[in-house]
Structures are given as structure tokens and as C-alpha cells.
Amino acid sequence: MLDAIAGALQRYMDLLAVRQKLVASNLANAATPGYRTLDLDFQREFRSLLPEPAARPVEVTGLPVKNDGNNVSVDREARLLAENALRFNLAANLLRSNVRMVRAAVQGGKQT
């Protein structure tokens, strides 16, 4: 069971890493004419927790488009970066706790 939990957390963190790269790319292209914001259908990807997050970026709809055709919202992307970092830290802490439990079990209950 612990392996299953650790595996799920690993896949979740991998998915968060993919999203982080997409958000960073969106921010890097905030001034690129014609660039369209990409993101994950995070809820769908999260529910499926693919063995490896071969996450499929999708164009974000409903964002205002500037005169140059770019629709990146720096405020939206900054919020997503902060949200993603928070989720990643939570998952990392859960994984760390999982490893501590396994280590304590192996060492006969002694905490290090």
C-alpha cells in the first residue's frame, strides 16, 4: 500500500512539473505576437494519474486576446505558478512523511 501511495504522489508531482513548464513557457512568451496560452486539463489529468504524465497541453480559451494575437495573462500565469508550487510542496511533504514511516518501520519504530 505504501508503494501505491508513493507511486501516486510521484505521478502527481510529475504532473505538477509538466504544468510548471507550461506556465513558465506561457510567461516567457507573454510578449510574443500570436502566441496562445497552453495549459493542462488539470482535473482530467489528475483524475487519470497516468503512469507517466504524458500530459496533453490544450489551448486555454476565454482569455482576452491582445491586438498582436497573444492571449497570455501574466496575472493568471503568476497565480498558477504560486498554486503549482504550493501543490508540489504539499505532495513532497506527504512523500517525505511516507518515507519516514517506512524508515521507522524498518528500524523497528525508532525515529531518526
C-alpha atoms as a PDB file:
ATOM      1  CA  MET A   1       0.000   0.000   0.000  1.00  0.00           C
ATOM      2  CA  LEU A   2       2.810   2.424   0.808  1.00  0.00           C
ATOM      3  CA  ASP A   3       4.285   1.807  -2.638  1.00  0.00           C
ATOM      4  CA  ALA A   4       0.934   2.678  -4.188  1.00  0.00           C
ATOM      5  CA  ILE A   5       0.743   5.931  -2.221  1.00  0.00           C
ATOM      6  CA  ALA A   6       4.333   6.851  -3.068  1.00  0.00           C
ATOM      7  CA  GLY A   7       3.703   5.993  -6.728  1.00  0.00           C
ATOM      8  CA  ALA A   8       0.573   8.154  -6.853  1.00  0.00           C
ATOM      9  CA  LEU A   9       2.404  11.062  -5.214  1.00  0.00           C
ATOM     10  CA  GLN A  10       5.295  10.647  -7.675  1.00  0.00           C
ATOM     11  CA  ARG A  11       2.892  10.769 -10.647  1.00  0.00           C
ATOM     12  CA  TYR A  12       1.113  13.792  -9.142  1.00  0.00           C
ATOM     13  CA  MET A  13       4.430  15.605  -8.703  1.00  0.00           C
ATOM     14  CA  ASP A  14       5.412  14.704 -12.279  1.00  0.00           C
ATOM     15  CA  LEU A  15       2.136  16.192 -13.497  1.00  0.00           C
ATOM     16  CA  LEU A  16       2.797  19.348 -11.490  1.00  0.00           C
ATOM     17  CA  ALA A  17       6.272  19.577 -13.052  1.00  0.00           C
ATOM     18  CA  VAL A  18       4.756  19.392 -16.543  1.00  0.00           C
ATOM     19  CA  ARG A  19       2.319  22.165 -15.643  1.00  0.00           C
ATOM     20  CA  GLN A  20       5.143  24.278 -14.208  1.00  0.00           C
ATOM     21  CA  LYS A  21       6.987  24.060 -17.541  1.00  0.00           C
ATOM     22  CA  LEU A  22       3.876  25.083 -19.475  1.00  0.00           C
ATOM     23  CA  VAL A  23       3.211  28.075 -17.219  1.00  0.00           C
ATOM     24  CA  ALA A  24       6.856  29.146 -17.475  1.00  0.00           C
ATOM     25  CA  SER A  25       6.637  28.877 -21.269  1.00  0.00           C
ATOM     26  CA  ASN A  26       3.476  30.982 -21.272  1.00  0.00           C
ATOM     27  CA  LEU A  27       5.215  33.666 -19.227  1.00  0.00           C
ATOM     28  CA  ALA A  28       8.294  33.537 -21.455  1.00  0.00           C
ATOM     29  CA  ASN A  29       6.057  34.152 -24.452  1.00  0.00           C
ATOM     30  CA  ALA A  30       3.891  36.863 -22.895  1.00  0.00           C
ATOM     31  CA  ALA A  31       5.195  39.371 -25.446  1.00  0.00           C
ATOM     32  CA  THR A  32       5.349  37.009 -28.446  1.00  0.00           C
ATOM     33  CA  PRO A  33       2.857  38.092 -31.107  1.00  0.00           C
ATOM     34  CA  GLY A  34       0.340  35.376 -31.903  1.00  0.00           C
ATOM     35  CA  TYR A  35       1.365  33.127 -29.001  1.00  0.00           C
ATOM     36  CA  ARG A  36      -1.576  31.277 -27.467  1.00  0.00           C
ATOM     37  CA  THR A  37      -1.652  30.208 -23.823  1.00  0.00           C
ATOM     38  CA  LEU A  38      -1.273  26.472 -23.194  1.00  0.00           C
ATOM     39  CA  ASP A  39      -2.250  24.584 -20.062  1.00  0.00           C
ATOM     40  CA  LEU A  40      -3.335  21.136 -18.941  1.00  0.00           C
ATOM     41  CA  ASP A  41      -6.861  19.983 -18.346  1.00  0.00           C
ATOM     42  CA  PHE A  42      -5.508  19.520 -14.842  1.00  0.00           C
ATOM     43  CA  GLN A  43      -8.640  17.976 -13.348  1.00  0.00           C
ATOM     44  CA  ARG A  44      -8.826  15.325 -16.082  1.00  0.00           C
ATOM     45  CA  GLU A  45      -5.103  14.592 -15.876  1.00  0.00           C
ATOM     46  CA  PHE A  46      -5.227  14.449 -12.077  1.00  0.00           C
ATOM     47  CA  ARG A  47      -8.151  12.016 -12.089  1.00  0.00           C
ATOM     48  CA  SER A  48      -6.433   9.699 -14.504  1.00  0.00           C
ATOM     49  CA  LEU A  49      -2.977   9.960 -12.839  1.00  0.00           C
ATOM     50  CA  LEU A  50      -1.307   8.465 -15.851  1.00  0.00           C
ATOM     51  CA  PRO A  51       1.608   6.088 -15.238  1.00  0.00           C
ATOM     52  CA  GLU A  52       3.804   8.800 -16.711  1.00  0.00           C
ATOM     53  CA  PRO A  53       2.225  12.167 -17.157  1.00  0.00           C
ATOM     54  CA  ALA A  54       2.195  12.267 -20.918  1.00  0.00           C
ATOM     55  CA  ALA A  55       0.090  15.324 -20.279  1.00  0.00           C
ATOM     56  CA  ARG A  56      -1.558  16.854 -23.289  1.00  0.00           C
ATOM     57  CA  PRO A  57      -1.385  20.641 -23.317  1.00  0.00           C
ATOM     58  CA  VAL A  58      -4.533  22.341 -24.538  1.00  0.00           C
ATOM     59  CA  GLU A  59      -5.037  25.902 -25.661  1.00  0.00           C
ATOM     60  CA  VAL A  60      -6.744  27.960 -22.977  1.00  0.00           C
ATOM     61  CA  THR A  61      -9.935  29.524 -24.233  1.00  0.00           C
ATOM     62  CA  GLY A  62     -11.830  32.529 -22.966  1.00  0.00           C
ATOM     63  CA  LEU A  63      -8.784  34.725 -22.358  1.00  0.00           C
ATOM     64  CA  PRO A  64      -8.737  38.225 -23.816  1.00  0.00           C
ATOM     65  CA  VAL A  65      -6.636  38.403 -26.975  1.00  0.00           C
ATOM     66  CA  LYS A  66      -4.368  41.417 -27.472  1.00  0.00           C
ATOM     67  CA  ASN A  67      -4.020  43.205 -30.805  1.00  0.00           C
ATOM     68  CA  ASP A  68      -0.959  41.088 -31.658  1.00  0.00           C
ATOM     69  CA  GLY A  69      -2.936  37.851 -31.199  1.00  0.00           C
ATOM     70  CA  ASN A  70      -1.275  36.953 -27.880  1.00  0.00           C
ATOM     71  CA  ASN A  71      -3.574  35.896 -25.035  1.00  0.00           C
ATOM     72  CA  VAL A  72      -1.104  35.316 -22.172  1.00  0.00           C
ATOM     73  CA  SER A  73      -2.279  36.843 -18.899  1.00  0.00           C
ATOM     74  CA  VAL A  74       0.770  37.435 -16.700  1.00  0.00           C
ATOM     75  CA  ASP A  75      -1.501  37.676 -13.634  1.00  0.00           C
ATOM     76  CA  ARG A  76      -3.105  34.302 -14.411  1.00  0.00           C
ATOM     77  CA  GLU A  77       0.249  32.634 -15.021  1.00  0.00           C
ATOM     78  CA  ALA A  78       1.757  34.086 -11.824  1.00  0.00           C
ATOM     79  CA  ARG A  79      -1.224  32.738  -9.850  1.00  0.00           C
ATOM     80  CA  LEU A  80      -0.773  29.318 -11.472  1.00  0.00           C
ATOM     81  CA  LEU A  81       2.941  29.313 -10.609  1.00  0.00           C
ATOM     82  CA  ALA A  82       2.156  30.005  -6.948  1.00  0.00           C
ATOM     83  CA  GLU A  83      -0.652  27.428  -6.866  1.00  0.00           C
ATOM     84  CA  ASN A  84       1.516  24.817  -8.550  1.00  0.00           C
ATOM     85  CA  ALA A  85       4.412  25.422  -6.141  1.00  0.00           C
ATOM     86  CA  LEU A  86       2.048  25.037  -3.177  1.00  0.00           C
ATOM     87  CA  ARG A  87       0.677  21.752  -4.532  1.00  0.00           C
ATOM     88  CA  PHE A  88       4.178  20.456  -5.269  1.00  0.00           C
ATOM     89  CA  ASN A  89       5.393  21.305  -1.753  1.00  0.00           C
ATOM     90  CA  LEU A  90       2.375  19.575  -0.216  1.00  0.00           C
ATOM     91  CA  ALA A  91       2.984  16.437  -2.290  1.00  0.00           C
ATOM     92  CA  ALA A  92       6.700  16.490  -1.437  1.00  0.00           C
ATOM     93  CA  ASN A  93       5.869  16.742   2.282  1.00  0.00           C
ATOM     94  CA  LEU A  94       3.423  13.839   2.010  1.00  0.00           C
ATOM     95  CA  LEU A  95       6.035  11.761   0.217  1.00  0.00           C
ATOM     96  CA  ARG A  96       8.648  12.677   2.846  1.00  0.00           C
ATOM     97  CA  SER A  97       6.254  11.584   5.606  1.00  0.00           C
ATOM     98  CA  ASN A  98       5.653   8.334   3.759  1.00  0.00           C
ATOM     99  CA  VAL A  99       9.399   7.669   3.561  1.00  0.00           C
ATOM    100  CA  ARG A 100       9.796   8.458   7.280  1.00  0.00           C
ATOM    101  CA  MET A 101       7.078   5.934   8.154  1.00  0.00           C
ATOM    102  CA  VAL A 102       8.748   3.239   6.085  1.00  0.00           C
ATOM    103  CA  ARG A 103      12.140   4.053   7.586  1.00  0.00           C
ATOM    104  CA  ALA A 104      10.710   3.925  11.119  1.00  0.00           C
ATOM    105  CA  ALA A 105       9.089   0.567  10.389  1.00  0.00           C
ATOM    106  CA  VAL A 106      12.334  -0.840   9.027  1.00  0.00           C
ATOM    107  CA  GLN A 107      14.294   0.446  12.030  1.00  0.00           C
ATOM    108  CA  GLY A 108      11.842  -1.115  14.479  1.00  0.00           C
ATOM    109  CA  GLY A 109       9.951   2.056  15.313  1.00  0.00           C
ATOM    110  CA  LYS A 110      12.994   4.197  16.178  1.00  0.00           C
ATOM    111  CA  GLN A 111      12.748   7.734  14.801  1.00  0.00           C
ATOM    112  CA  THR A 112      15.845   9.421  13.351  1.00  0.00           C
END
